[in-house]
Amino acid sequence: MAHEIQADYASGSVLYAIIRTLAGQVWYPEGQAFEDWGAGGHAIDSYDIVLTDKSGNRYVGDFDEDIPAGCYCIQVFKQAGASPAPSDALVCSREIRWTGAGELTAAKILANKAVQDKITHAIDYYDDDGATVLLTLNLYDEKTTSTRASE
């Protein structure tokens, strides 16, 4: 996937993002794992994801596909010095629901392709590319109830 991390800020700045779990752990890109801040002697520059200035006050970056499905917080900071520092100013933050293959949004579920298997009745909801499955709903029927479970 690409450009899941987005921030609006004056062009010409240096921005970076940090991804956290809802419990506060931080994504360590080199180790491909979430960890407590500072584990293993890691400093802030071990966690940063550089954002690209696309001009017109728009910055973008990629959400690591190795991050497991879940709900995460993306924090975007303005770098003041030569490298990321704990004193850098927070520019914005937002929550992302990550499926492991892309971001899950209501707009994608409502506007993009959805295909139901006529035999299993499972419904696959697709990303903007029309090929990546973001969510599968499996319908289970019992005598008097019908429930949905997502996978």
C-alpha atoms as a PDB file:
ATOM      1  CA  MET A   1       0.000   0.000   0.000  1.00  0.00           C
ATOM      2  CA  ALA A   2       1.081   3.580  -0.231  1.00  0.00           C
ATOM      3  CA  HIS A   3       0.443   6.983   1.290  1.00  0.00           C
ATOM      4  CA  GLU A   4      -1.719   5.844   4.224  1.00  0.00           C
ATOM      5  CA  ILE A   5       0.095   8.391   6.373  1.00  0.00           C
ATOM      6  CA  GLN A   6      -0.936  11.908   5.385  1.00  0.00           C
ATOM      7  CA  ALA A   7      -0.456  15.310   6.976  1.00  0.00           C
ATOM      8  CA  ASP A   8      -1.260  18.853   5.935  1.00  0.00           C
ATOM      9  CA  TYR A   9       1.479  21.266   6.943  1.00  0.00           C
ATOM     10  CA  ALA A  10       3.480  24.109   5.375  1.00  0.00           C
ATOM     11  CA  SER A  11       5.686  22.794   2.571  1.00  0.00           C
ATOM     12  CA  GLY A  12       9.414  23.050   3.145  1.00  0.00           C
ATOM     13  CA  SER A  13       9.292  21.504   6.612  1.00  0.00           C
ATOM     14  CA  VAL A  14      10.681  18.140   7.669  1.00  0.00           C
ATOM     15  CA  LEU A  15       7.953  15.857   9.024  1.00  0.00           C
ATOM     16  CA  TYR A  16       8.068  12.311  10.304  1.00  0.00           C
ATOM     17  CA  ALA A  17       5.528   9.902  11.745  1.00  0.00           C
ATOM     18  CA  ILE A  18       5.505   7.455  14.616  1.00  0.00           C
ATOM     19  CA  ILE A  19       3.015   4.579  14.795  1.00  0.00           C
ATOM     20  CA  ARG A  20       1.701   3.430  18.175  1.00  0.00           C
ATOM     21  CA  THR A  21      -0.618   0.745  19.446  1.00  0.00           C
ATOM     22  CA  LEU A  22      -3.599   1.879  21.485  1.00  0.00           C
ATOM     23  CA  ALA A  23      -1.672   0.642  24.545  1.00  0.00           C
ATOM     24  CA  GLY A  24       1.166   3.065  23.692  1.00  0.00           C
ATOM     25  CA  GLN A  25       3.809   0.742  22.277  1.00  0.00           C
ATOM     26  CA  VAL A  26       5.714   2.112  19.288  1.00  0.00           C
ATOM     27  CA  TRP A  27       6.524   0.493  15.931  1.00  0.00           C
ATOM     28  CA  TYR A  28      10.232  -0.249  15.543  1.00  0.00           C
ATOM     29  CA  PRO A  29      10.679  -0.503  11.747  1.00  0.00           C
ATOM     30  CA  GLU A  30      14.125  -2.099  11.800  1.00  0.00           C
ATOM     31  CA  GLY A  31      12.989  -4.835  14.187  1.00  0.00           C
ATOM     32  CA  GLN A  32       9.562  -5.168  12.532  1.00  0.00           C
ATOM     33  CA  ALA A  33       7.848  -5.218  15.929  1.00  0.00           C
ATOM     34  CA  PHE A  34       6.059  -3.073  18.474  1.00  0.00           C
ATOM     35  CA  GLU A  35       7.949  -2.345  21.673  1.00  0.00           C
ATOM     36  CA  ASP A  36       7.904  -0.093  24.705  1.00  0.00           C
ATOM     37  CA  TRP A  37       9.472   3.312  24.039  1.00  0.00           C
ATOM     38  CA  GLY A  38      13.239   3.148  24.510  1.00  0.00           C
ATOM     39  CA  ALA A  39      13.464  -0.654  24.686  1.00  0.00           C
ATOM     40  CA  GLY A  40      16.893  -1.947  23.755  1.00  0.00           C
ATOM     41  CA  GLY A  41      18.310   1.565  24.071  1.00  0.00           C
ATOM     42  CA  HIS A  42      16.366   2.760  21.020  1.00  0.00           C
ATOM     43  CA  ALA A  43      15.949   6.515  20.637  1.00  0.00           C
ATOM     44  CA  ILE A  44      13.280   8.441  18.745  1.00  0.00           C
ATOM     45  CA  ASP A  45      15.201   8.178  15.467  1.00  0.00           C
ATOM     46  CA  SER A  46      14.741   4.386  15.664  1.00  0.00           C
ATOM     47  CA  TYR A  47      10.963   4.828  15.363  1.00  0.00           C
ATOM     48  CA  ASP A  48      10.526   7.624  12.820  1.00  0.00           C
ATOM     49  CA  ILE A  49       8.977   7.179   9.384  1.00  0.00           C
ATOM     50  CA  VAL A  50      10.076  10.000   7.068  1.00  0.00           C
ATOM     51  CA  LEU A  51       7.260  11.788   5.253  1.00  0.00           C
ATOM     52  CA  THR A  52       7.670  13.122   1.723  1.00  0.00           C
ATOM     53  CA  ASP A  53       6.752  16.724   0.951  1.00  0.00           C
ATOM     54  CA  LYS A  54       4.408  16.546  -2.065  1.00  0.00           C
ATOM     55  CA  SER A  55       4.160  20.375  -2.244  1.00  0.00           C
ATOM     56  CA  GLY A  56       0.974  22.327  -1.687  1.00  0.00           C
ATOM     57  CA  ASN A  57       1.187  21.693   2.074  1.00  0.00           C
ATOM     58  CA  ARG A  58       0.787  17.912   1.737  1.00  0.00           C
ATOM     59  CA  TYR A  59       3.063  15.238   3.210  1.00  0.00           C
ATOM     60  CA  VAL A  60       2.710  11.485   2.707  1.00  0.00           C
ATOM     61  CA  GLY A  61       4.299   8.297   3.963  1.00  0.00           C
ATOM     62  CA  ASP A  62       3.717   4.562   3.811  1.00  0.00           C
ATOM     63  CA  PHE A  63       2.218   2.402   6.535  1.00  0.00           C
ATOM     64  CA  ASP A  64       4.445  -0.661   6.922  1.00  0.00           C
ATOM     65  CA  GLU A  65       2.733  -3.750   5.458  1.00  0.00           C
ATOM     66  CA  ASP A  66       4.444  -5.878   8.124  1.00  0.00           C
ATOM     67  CA  ILE A  67       2.320  -4.272  10.850  1.00  0.00           C
ATOM     68  CA  PRO A  68      -0.363  -6.782  11.868  1.00  0.00           C
ATOM     69  CA  ALA A  69      -4.056  -5.999  11.496  1.00  0.00           C
ATOM     70  CA  GLY A  70      -5.380  -3.750  14.248  1.00  0.00           C
ATOM     71  CA  CYS A  71      -6.183  -0.226  15.348  1.00  0.00           C
ATOM     72  CA  TYR A  72      -3.227   2.169  15.631  1.00  0.00           C
ATOM     73  CA  CYS A  73      -2.430   5.822  16.250  1.00  0.00           C
ATOM     74  CA  ILE A  74      -0.269   7.748  13.776  1.00  0.00           C
ATOM     75  CA  GLN A  75       1.512  10.759  15.275  1.00  0.00           C
ATOM     76  CA  VAL A  76       3.166  13.303  12.965  1.00  0.00           C
ATOM     77  CA  PHE A  77       5.966  15.554  14.238  1.00  0.00           C
ATOM     78  CA  LYS A  78       7.848  18.539  12.793  1.00  0.00           C
ATOM     79  CA  GLN A  79      11.580  17.954  13.019  1.00  0.00           C
ATOM     80  CA  ALA A  80      13.321  21.017  14.447  1.00  0.00           C
ATOM     81  CA  GLY A  81      16.961  19.955  14.261  1.00  0.00           C
ATOM     82  CA  ALA A  82      19.207  17.729  12.177  1.00  0.00           C
ATOM     83  CA  SER A  83      17.468  14.564  13.413  1.00  0.00           C
ATOM     84  CA  PRO A  84      14.256  13.603  15.244  1.00  0.00           C
ATOM     85  CA  ALA A  85      14.187  14.652  18.910  1.00  0.00           C
ATOM     86  CA  PRO A  86      11.760  14.178  21.821  1.00  0.00           C
ATOM     87  CA  SER A  87      11.230  17.957  21.864  1.00  0.00           C
ATOM     88  CA  ASP A  88       9.877  18.047  18.271  1.00  0.00           C
ATOM     89  CA  ALA A  89       6.380  19.520  17.997  1.00  0.00           C
ATOM     90  CA  LEU A  90       3.378  17.279  17.380  1.00  0.00           C
ATOM     91  CA  VAL A  91       1.674  18.475  14.167  1.00  0.00           C
ATOM     92  CA  CYS A  92      -1.279  16.085  14.058  1.00  0.00           C
ATOM     93  CA  SER A  93      -2.402  12.579  14.922  1.00  0.00           C
ATOM     94  CA  ARG A  94      -5.090  10.199  13.795  1.00  0.00           C
ATOM     95  CA  GLU A  95      -6.319   6.656  14.258  1.00  0.00           C
ATOM     96  CA  ILE A  96      -6.031   4.048  11.514  1.00  0.00           C
ATOM     97  CA  ARG A  97      -7.788   0.701  11.255  1.00  0.00           C
ATOM     98  CA  TRP A  98      -5.267  -1.483   9.478  1.00  0.00           C
ATOM     99  CA  THR A  99      -6.256  -4.823   7.927  1.00  0.00           C
ATOM    100  CA  GLY A 100      -2.720  -5.979   7.247  1.00  0.00           C
ATOM    101  CA  ALA A 101      -3.264  -5.196   3.560  1.00  0.00           C
ATOM    102  CA  GLY A 102      -4.668  -1.672   3.697  1.00  0.00           C
ATOM    103  CA  GLU A 103      -6.655   0.854   5.676  1.00  0.00           C
ATOM    104  CA  LEU A 104     -10.260  -0.020   6.431  1.00  0.00           C
ATOM    105  CA  THR A 105     -12.664   2.913   6.140  1.00  0.00           C
ATOM    106  CA  ALA A 106     -16.424   3.159   5.908  1.00  0.00           C
ATOM    107  CA  ALA A 107     -16.071   4.817   2.500  1.00  0.00           C
ATOM    108  CA  LYS A 108     -14.129   1.833   1.152  1.00  0.00           C
ATOM    109  CA  ILE A 109     -16.729  -0.625   2.417  1.00  0.00           C
ATOM    110  CA  LEU A 110     -19.619   1.403   0.991  1.00  0.00           C
ATOM    111  CA  ALA A 111     -18.078   2.624  -2.277  1.00  0.00           C
ATOM    112  CA  ASN A 112     -15.716  -0.125  -3.416  1.00  0.00           C
ATOM    113  CA  LYS A 113     -16.301  -3.575  -4.805  1.00  0.00           C
ATOM    114  CA  ALA A 114     -17.957  -6.182  -2.583  1.00  0.00           C
ATOM    115  CA  VAL A 115     -18.418  -9.781  -3.744  1.00  0.00           C
ATOM    116  CA  GLN A 116     -20.524 -12.447  -2.061  1.00  0.00           C
ATOM    117  CA  ASP A 117     -19.693 -16.119  -2.573  1.00  0.00           C
ATOM    118  CA  LYS A 118     -22.954 -17.867  -3.522  1.00  0.00           C
ATOM    119  CA  ILE A 119     -21.941 -21.110  -1.800  1.00  0.00           C
ATOM    120  CA  THR A 120     -20.352 -19.943   1.479  1.00  0.00           C
ATOM    121  CA  HIS A 121     -22.205 -16.585   1.575  1.00  0.00           C
ATOM    122  CA  ALA A 122     -18.930 -14.909   2.647  1.00  0.00           C
ATOM    123  CA  ILE A 123     -18.669 -11.265   1.535  1.00  0.00           C
ATOM    124  CA  ASP A 124     -15.271  -9.889   0.493  1.00  0.00           C
ATOM    125  CA  TYR A 125     -14.815  -6.091   0.599  1.00  0.00           C
ATOM    126  CA  TYR A 126     -12.056  -4.760  -1.653  1.00  0.00           C
ATOM    127  CA  ASP A 127      -9.601  -1.855  -1.496  1.00  0.00           C
ATOM    128  CA  ASP A 128      -9.438   0.910  -4.107  1.00  0.00           C
ATOM    129  CA  ASP A 129      -7.367  -1.306  -6.415  1.00  0.00           C
ATOM    130  CA  GLY A 130     -10.272  -3.765  -6.758  1.00  0.00           C
ATOM    131  CA  ALA A 131      -7.951  -6.704  -6.027  1.00  0.00           C
ATOM    132  CA  THR A 132      -6.892  -6.440  -2.372  1.00  0.00           C
ATOM    133  CA  VAL A 133      -9.418  -7.879   0.090  1.00  0.00           C
ATOM    134  CA  LEU A 134      -9.664  -5.604   3.134  1.00  0.00           C
ATOM    135  CA  LEU A 135     -12.378  -7.425   5.032  1.00  0.00           C
ATOM    136  CA  THR A 136     -14.285 -10.703   4.779  1.00  0.00           C
ATOM    137  CA  LEU A 137     -17.625 -11.163   6.500  1.00  0.00           C
ATOM    138  CA  ASN A 138     -18.753 -14.726   7.067  1.00  0.00           C
ATOM    139  CA  LEU A 139     -22.457 -15.211   7.653  1.00  0.00           C
ATOM    140  CA  TYR A 140     -23.578 -18.066   9.874  1.00  0.00           C
ATOM    141  CA  ASP A 141     -27.217 -19.159  10.029  1.00  0.00           C
ATOM    142  CA  GLU A 142     -28.708 -20.975  12.961  1.00  0.00           C
ATOM    143  CA  LYS A 143     -32.290 -22.020  13.601  1.00  0.00           C
ATOM    144  CA  THR A 144     -33.647 -18.577  14.472  1.00  0.00           C
ATOM    145  CA  THR A 145     -30.702 -16.164  14.337  1.00  0.00           C
ATOM    146  CA  SER A 146     -28.221 -14.847  11.838  1.00  0.00           C
ATOM    147  CA  THR A 147     -24.918 -13.384  13.034  1.00  0.00           C
ATOM    148  CA  ARG A 148     -21.947 -11.876  11.270  1.00  0.00           C
ATOM    149  CA  ALA A 149     -18.304 -12.435  12.144  1.00  0.00           C
ATOM    150  CA  SER A 150     -15.379 -10.644  10.504  1.00  0.00           C
ATOM    151  CA  GLU A 151     -12.042 -12.225   9.822  1.00  0.00           C
END
